[in-house]
Amino acid sequence: MSQEVNIDEIKINFDTEGLWILNIAIAIIMFGVALGITLDDFRRLFKNPKIVFVGVLSQFILLPAFTFLGILLIKPYPSFALGMMMIAACPGGNVSNFFSKMAGGNAALSVSLTAFATLICIFMTPFNLQFWGSLYEPTNAILETVELNWVELLKLVSLILGIPLILGMLVKHYHSEMAGKIEKVLKPISMAVFVVLILVAFSQNLDVFVKYIHYVLFLVVFHNIFAFILGFYTAKTFGLNKQDTKTISMETGIQNGGLGLLLIFGFFDGLGGMALLAAFWGIWDVFSGMALATFWGRKKNKLAAENDR
């Protein structure tokens, strides 16, 4: 049996109970983010339609398109390629809000874009995965063996992202003070549960990760760094200020690997190459986002200190 067949037939062990907990954790994280969002955030966002356009262009159009071109050049194993397409099709990760603030970006814009991206990803995530995946023969072959039910996919994304977003905003609107208190407690707890779930998945599949991690290491690091650069220069090209440019970069570079994993387990039966890549992305982009946010934050503080002299 060839090595390629072995890789594309890897199965990640993740039981039904763990999958349900992952569903709940992602929904709670989204609810926690929504507790800080108001309708005024959307109004401010649409008063500057250029920012909305740049955010959507960078995240939902350019990233999937350039990911596809990168796959054509690199020619990774098919399930790894489909994993890259899955990540590129997902909306921004919720930790992007924290990193944007830490980097000296526009935190309010980050939260608003996350909310908007969550709404449109209900349609854009399945569309991008199906569209780009079907254009590349090796990934199209996988898609043809999977019953990618659009209705079920839309339903799942709506349940774990759309409904928590609306509920969180309603709580914020009608019980603002209570929303602030819940948000402070909920965010760290839900993020901790999510990280623990990823680590448990790693520990249960340690032999698979040790054997194959070097195959996805380059792909994830390359893809993630490219996404940050793409977001940064897309924003620069459209003349956005430094704060907004950092925010667009974070929103493009920090993708929702948790959602990607959930869709992989839900619709691709935990296809190993996809799951391995998405799981490593989910861990790696937290470290890369933290590093970039720290660098930008220190640079901002240094400039502020120099200006104060």
Protein backbone atom coordinates (compact mmCIF):
# COMPACT_ATOMS: atom_id res chain seq x y z
CA MET A 1 0.00 0.00 0.00
CA SER A 2 1.44 3.37 -0.97
CA GLN A 3 2.27 6.07 1.54
CA GLU A 4 -0.27 8.41 -0.10
CA VAL A 5 -3.08 5.90 0.44
CA ASN A 6 -2.00 5.46 4.07
CA ILE A 7 -2.13 9.21 4.70
CA ASP A 8 -5.50 9.70 3.04
CA GLU A 9 -6.95 6.76 4.97
CA ILE A 10 -5.86 7.98 8.41
CA LYS A 11 -8.80 8.03 10.80
CA ILE A 12 -8.71 10.30 13.85
CA ASN A 13 -10.38 8.82 16.94
CA PHE A 14 -12.90 11.28 18.37
CA ASP A 15 -16.07 9.83 19.90
CA THR A 16 -19.63 11.15 19.62
CA GLU A 17 -19.55 12.53 23.15
CA GLY A 18 -16.40 14.52 22.40
CA LEU A 19 -18.01 15.84 19.21
CA TRP A 20 -21.04 17.09 21.13
CA ILE A 21 -18.81 18.83 23.68
CA LEU A 22 -16.89 20.46 20.81
CA ASN A 23 -20.22 21.65 19.33
CA ILE A 24 -21.25 23.14 22.65
CA ALA A 25 -17.83 24.72 23.30
CA ILE A 26 -17.80 26.52 19.93
CA ALA A 27 -21.40 27.70 20.43
CA ILE A 28 -20.57 29.04 23.91
CA ILE A 29 -17.44 30.82 22.61
CA MET A 30 -19.58 32.47 19.91
CA PHE A 31 -22.21 33.42 22.50
CA GLY A 32 -19.45 34.97 24.66
CA VAL A 33 -18.17 37.05 21.73
CA ALA A 34 -21.73 38.15 20.88
CA LEU A 35 -22.21 39.47 24.42
CA GLY A 36 -19.90 42.33 23.43
CA ILE A 37 -21.69 43.13 20.16
CA THR A 38 -24.50 45.64 19.61
CA LEU A 39 -26.50 46.70 16.57
CA ASP A 40 -24.56 49.99 16.72
CA ASP A 41 -21.40 47.99 15.89
CA PHE A 42 -23.04 46.87 12.64
CA ARG A 43 -24.27 50.40 11.92
CA ARG A 44 -20.75 51.79 12.38
CA LEU A 45 -19.40 49.03 10.17
CA PHE A 46 -21.78 49.81 7.33
CA LYS A 47 -21.10 53.55 7.59
CA ASN A 48 -17.69 52.60 6.20
CA PRO A 49 -18.57 50.04 3.50
CA LYS A 50 -14.98 49.96 2.25
CA ILE A 51 -13.86 48.19 5.43
CA VAL A 52 -16.65 45.61 5.06
CA PHE A 53 -15.68 45.07 1.43
CA VAL A 54 -11.97 44.66 2.25
CA GLY A 55 -12.72 42.28 5.14
CA VAL A 56 -14.99 40.05 3.02
CA LEU A 57 -12.66 40.24 0.00
CA SER A 58 -9.59 39.24 2.02
CA GLN A 59 -11.23 36.49 4.07
CA PHE A 60 -13.84 34.89 1.83
CA ILE A 61 -12.58 35.59 -1.70
CA LEU A 62 -8.80 36.05 -1.81
CA LEU A 63 -7.78 33.56 0.91
CA PRO A 64 -9.68 30.61 -0.65
CA ALA A 65 -8.53 31.61 -4.16
CA PHE A 66 -4.84 31.92 -3.21
CA THR A 67 -5.09 28.74 -1.14
CA PHE A 68 -6.29 26.97 -4.28
CA LEU A 69 -3.35 28.40 -6.28
CA GLY A 70 -0.93 27.36 -3.53
CA ILE A 71 -2.33 23.81 -3.64
CA LEU A 72 -1.83 23.70 -7.43
CA LEU A 73 1.84 24.64 -6.90
CA ILE A 74 2.63 22.52 -3.82
CA LYS A 75 0.42 19.51 -4.72
CA PRO A 76 -0.02 18.18 -1.17
CA TYR A 77 -1.76 14.88 -0.42
CA PRO A 78 -5.46 15.20 -1.33
CA SER A 79 -6.85 15.13 2.21
CA PHE A 80 -4.27 17.74 3.30
CA ALA A 81 -5.28 19.89 0.32
CA LEU A 82 -8.96 19.60 1.26
CA GLY A 83 -8.04 20.45 4.86
CA MET A 84 -6.37 23.66 3.63
CA MET A 85 -9.49 24.48 1.61
CA MET A 86 -11.66 23.83 4.67
CA ILE A 87 -9.59 26.20 6.83
CA ALA A 88 -9.63 28.88 4.11
CA ALA A 89 -13.42 28.53 3.83
CA CYS A 90 -14.01 29.04 7.57
CA PRO A 91 -14.68 32.46 9.16
CA GLY A 92 -12.16 34.18 11.42
CA GLY A 93 -11.43 32.63 14.80
CA ASN A 94 -12.87 34.36 17.85
CA VAL A 95 -9.43 34.87 19.45
CA SER A 96 -8.72 37.36 16.64
CA ASN A 97 -10.64 39.94 18.71
CA PHE A 98 -8.25 39.53 21.63
CA PHE A 99 -5.17 39.59 19.40
CA SER A 100 -6.38 42.68 17.50
CA LYS A 101 -6.73 44.58 20.77
CA MET A 102 -3.34 43.33 21.97
CA ALA A 103 -1.70 44.38 18.67
CA GLY A 104 -3.05 47.92 18.87
CA GLY A 105 -5.58 47.24 16.12
CA ASN A 106 -9.20 48.33 15.95
CA ALA A 107 -10.83 46.01 18.54
CA ALA A 108 -14.38 47.27 17.83
CA LEU A 109 -13.86 46.64 14.10
CA SER A 110 -12.50 43.15 14.84
CA VAL A 111 -15.57 42.17 16.88
CA SER A 112 -17.92 43.64 14.26
CA LEU A 113 -16.14 41.83 11.40
CA THR A 114 -16.20 38.56 13.36
CA ALA A 115 -19.95 38.93 13.80
CA PHE A 116 -20.51 39.82 10.13
CA ALA A 117 -18.21 37.00 8.95
CA THR A 118 -20.13 34.57 11.18
CA LEU A 119 -23.39 35.54 9.51
CA ILE A 120 -22.16 35.23 5.93
CA CYS A 121 -20.08 32.10 6.61
CA ILE A 122 -23.37 30.21 6.99
CA PHE A 123 -23.50 30.39 3.19
CA MET A 124 -19.91 31.21 2.18
CA THR A 125 -18.17 28.35 4.04
CA PRO A 126 -20.04 25.51 2.29
CA PHE A 127 -19.93 27.40 -1.03
CA ASN A 128 -16.14 27.96 -0.93
CA LEU A 129 -15.40 24.40 0.15
CA GLN A 130 -17.55 22.90 -2.59
CA PHE A 131 -16.49 25.38 -5.30
CA TRP A 132 -12.71 25.27 -4.84
CA GLY A 133 -12.65 21.61 -3.80
CA SER A 134 -14.44 20.56 -6.99
CA LEU A 135 -11.95 22.46 -9.20
CA TYR A 136 -8.99 20.30 -8.08
CA GLU A 137 -9.33 16.70 -9.24
CA PRO A 138 -7.74 14.96 -6.18
CA THR A 139 -10.00 16.86 -3.72
CA ASN A 140 -13.02 16.52 -5.99
CA ALA A 141 -12.52 12.75 -5.82
CA ILE A 142 -12.88 12.95 -2.01
CA LEU A 143 -15.91 15.24 -2.22
CA GLU A 144 -17.62 12.77 -4.57
CA THR A 145 -17.26 10.00 -1.96
CA VAL A 146 -18.81 12.19 0.76
CA GLU A 147 -22.46 13.11 1.04
CA LEU A 148 -21.92 16.84 1.59
CA ASN A 149 -25.50 17.74 2.41
CA TRP A 150 -25.77 21.52 2.02
CA VAL A 151 -28.94 21.75 4.10
CA GLU A 152 -27.36 19.84 6.99
CA LEU A 153 -24.17 21.88 6.67
CA LEU A 154 -26.10 25.18 6.76
CA LYS A 155 -28.13 23.88 9.69
CA LEU A 156 -25.02 22.93 11.68
CA VAL A 157 -23.22 26.24 11.07
CA SER A 158 -26.40 28.15 11.91
CA LEU A 159 -26.87 26.22 15.16
CA ILE A 160 -23.33 26.59 16.48
CA LEU A 161 -22.57 30.10 15.20
CA GLY A 162 -25.68 31.94 14.00
CA ILE A 163 -28.07 31.24 16.89
CA PRO A 164 -25.50 31.90 19.66
CA LEU A 165 -24.60 35.17 17.90
CA ILE A 166 -28.23 36.35 17.87
CA LEU A 167 -28.89 35.20 21.46
CA GLY A 168 -25.75 36.92 22.75
CA MET A 169 -26.68 40.18 21.04
CA LEU A 170 -30.20 40.00 22.50
CA VAL A 171 -28.82 39.53 26.01
CA LYS A 172 -26.44 42.46 25.43
CA HIS A 173 -29.31 44.64 24.16
CA TYR A 174 -31.82 43.92 26.93
CA HIS A 175 -29.49 43.14 29.86
CA SER A 176 -26.27 45.02 29.14
CA GLU A 177 -24.86 44.93 32.68
CA MET A 178 -25.53 41.22 33.07
CA ALA A 179 -23.97 40.55 29.64
CA GLY A 180 -20.74 42.22 30.77
CA LYS A 181 -20.54 40.04 33.88
CA ILE A 182 -21.30 36.82 31.97
CA GLU A 183 -18.76 37.69 29.26
CA LYS A 184 -15.91 38.05 31.76
CA VAL A 185 -16.54 34.57 33.16
CA LEU A 186 -17.65 32.79 29.99
CA LYS A 187 -14.83 33.66 27.61
CA PRO A 188 -11.90 32.18 29.59
CA ILE A 189 -13.90 29.09 30.62
CA SER A 190 -15.15 28.30 27.10
CA MET A 191 -11.70 28.86 25.57
CA ALA A 192 -10.14 26.59 28.23
CA VAL A 193 -12.69 23.83 27.45
CA PHE A 194 -11.96 24.19 23.72
CA VAL A 195 -8.18 23.94 24.24
CA VAL A 196 -8.62 20.91 26.53
CA LEU A 197 -10.75 19.21 23.85
CA ILE A 198 -8.04 19.73 21.23
CA LEU A 199 -5.37 18.41 23.62
CA VAL A 200 -7.52 15.36 24.46
CA ALA A 201 -7.94 14.68 20.74
CA PHE A 202 -4.16 14.89 20.36
CA SER A 203 -3.51 12.55 23.30
CA GLN A 204 -6.01 9.98 21.97
CA ASN A 205 -4.28 10.02 18.59
CA LEU A 206 -0.69 10.57 19.68
CA ASP A 207 0.70 7.80 17.46
CA VAL A 208 -0.99 9.35 14.38
CA PHE A 209 0.27 12.86 15.18
CA VAL A 210 3.84 11.72 15.87
CA LYS A 211 3.91 9.72 12.64
CA TYR A 212 2.38 12.34 10.33
CA ILE A 213 2.74 15.79 11.93
CA HIS A 214 5.82 16.64 9.86
CA TYR A 215 3.68 16.42 6.72
CA VAL A 216 1.32 19.19 7.83
CA LEU A 217 3.87 21.32 9.74
CA PHE A 218 5.12 23.16 6.66
CA LEU A 219 1.65 23.40 5.10
CA VAL A 220 0.04 24.96 8.19
CA VAL A 221 2.90 27.37 8.95
CA PHE A 222 3.17 28.46 5.31
CA HIS A 223 -0.61 28.81 4.91
CA ASN A 224 -1.02 30.75 8.17
CA ILE A 225 1.85 33.20 7.54
CA PHE A 226 0.59 33.75 4.00
CA ALA A 227 -2.92 34.50 5.34
CA PHE A 228 -1.55 37.19 7.70
CA ILE A 229 0.45 38.75 4.85
CA LEU A 230 -2.51 38.57 2.46
CA GLY A 231 -4.80 40.36 4.94
CA PHE A 232 -2.18 42.99 5.70
CA TYR A 233 -1.39 43.91 2.10
CA THR A 234 -5.02 43.72 0.95
CA ALA A 235 -5.87 46.33 3.59
CA LYS A 236 -2.79 48.43 2.65
CA THR A 237 -3.74 48.29 -1.04
CA PHE A 238 -7.15 49.81 -0.24
CA GLY A 239 -5.56 52.58 1.85
CA LEU A 240 -6.83 51.53 5.31
CA ASN A 241 -5.11 53.06 8.33
CA LYS A 242 -2.61 51.14 10.51
CA GLN A 243 -5.17 50.08 13.11
CA ASP A 244 -7.63 48.73 10.55
CA THR A 245 -4.82 47.08 8.55
CA LYS A 246 -3.69 45.13 11.63
CA THR A 247 -7.28 44.09 12.26
CA ILE A 248 -7.86 42.83 8.70
CA SER A 249 -4.58 40.92 8.91
CA MET A 250 -5.66 39.25 12.16
CA GLU A 251 -9.14 38.46 10.85
CA THR A 252 -7.62 36.78 7.77
CA GLY A 253 -4.78 34.96 9.55
CA ILE A 254 -6.78 33.61 12.52
CA GLN A 255 -9.23 31.12 11.05
CA ASN A 256 -11.80 29.10 13.00
CA GLY A 257 -9.99 25.75 13.12
CA GLY A 258 -12.52 24.49 15.66
CA LEU A 259 -15.37 24.92 13.20
CA GLY A 260 -13.23 23.24 10.53
CA LEU A 261 -12.66 20.24 12.81
CA LEU A 262 -16.34 20.03 13.61
CA LEU A 263 -17.30 19.98 9.92
CA ILE A 264 -14.58 17.39 9.19
CA PHE A 265 -15.88 15.05 11.90
CA GLY A 266 -19.50 15.74 11.00
CA PHE A 267 -19.31 15.36 7.21
CA PHE A 268 -16.00 13.66 6.38
CA ASP A 269 -15.99 10.96 9.06
CA GLY A 270 -12.85 12.43 10.64
CA LEU A 271 -10.77 12.03 7.45
CA GLY A 272 -7.29 11.92 8.97
CA GLY A 273 -5.38 14.25 6.66
CA MET A 274 -8.04 16.94 6.99
CA ALA A 275 -8.47 16.51 10.75
CA LEU A 276 -4.72 16.46 11.39
CA LEU A 277 -4.21 19.70 9.46
CA ALA A 278 -7.20 21.48 11.04
CA ALA A 279 -6.23 20.39 14.58
CA PHE A 280 -2.65 21.61 14.13
CA TRP A 281 -3.92 24.88 12.61
CA GLY A 282 -6.16 25.42 15.64
CA ILE A 283 -3.15 25.23 17.94
CA TRP A 284 -0.56 26.90 15.70
CA ASP A 285 -2.54 30.04 14.84
CA VAL A 286 -2.98 30.80 18.55
CA PHE A 287 0.82 30.87 18.92
CA SER A 288 1.41 32.78 15.67
CA GLY A 289 -1.37 35.26 16.48
CA MET A 290 0.06 35.81 19.95
CA ALA A 291 3.56 36.35 18.53
CA LEU A 292 2.37 38.84 15.89
CA ALA A 293 0.13 40.69 18.36
CA THR A 294 3.02 40.93 20.86
CA PHE A 295 5.36 42.26 18.16
CA TRP A 296 2.88 44.88 16.94
CA GLY A 297 1.88 45.80 20.50
CA ARG A 298 5.48 46.39 21.60
CA LYS A 299 6.18 48.37 18.44
CA LYS A 300 3.17 50.57 19.15
CA ASN A 301 4.20 51.08 22.79
CA LYS A 302 7.75 51.90 21.73
CA LEU A 303 6.55 54.53 19.26
CA ALA A 304 4.22 55.99 21.88
CA ALA A 305 7.09 56.21 24.39
CA GLU A 306 9.32 57.94 21.81
CA ASN A 307 6.57 60.45 21.01
CA ASP A 308 6.14 61.25 24.70
CA ARG A 309 9.77 62.29 25.06
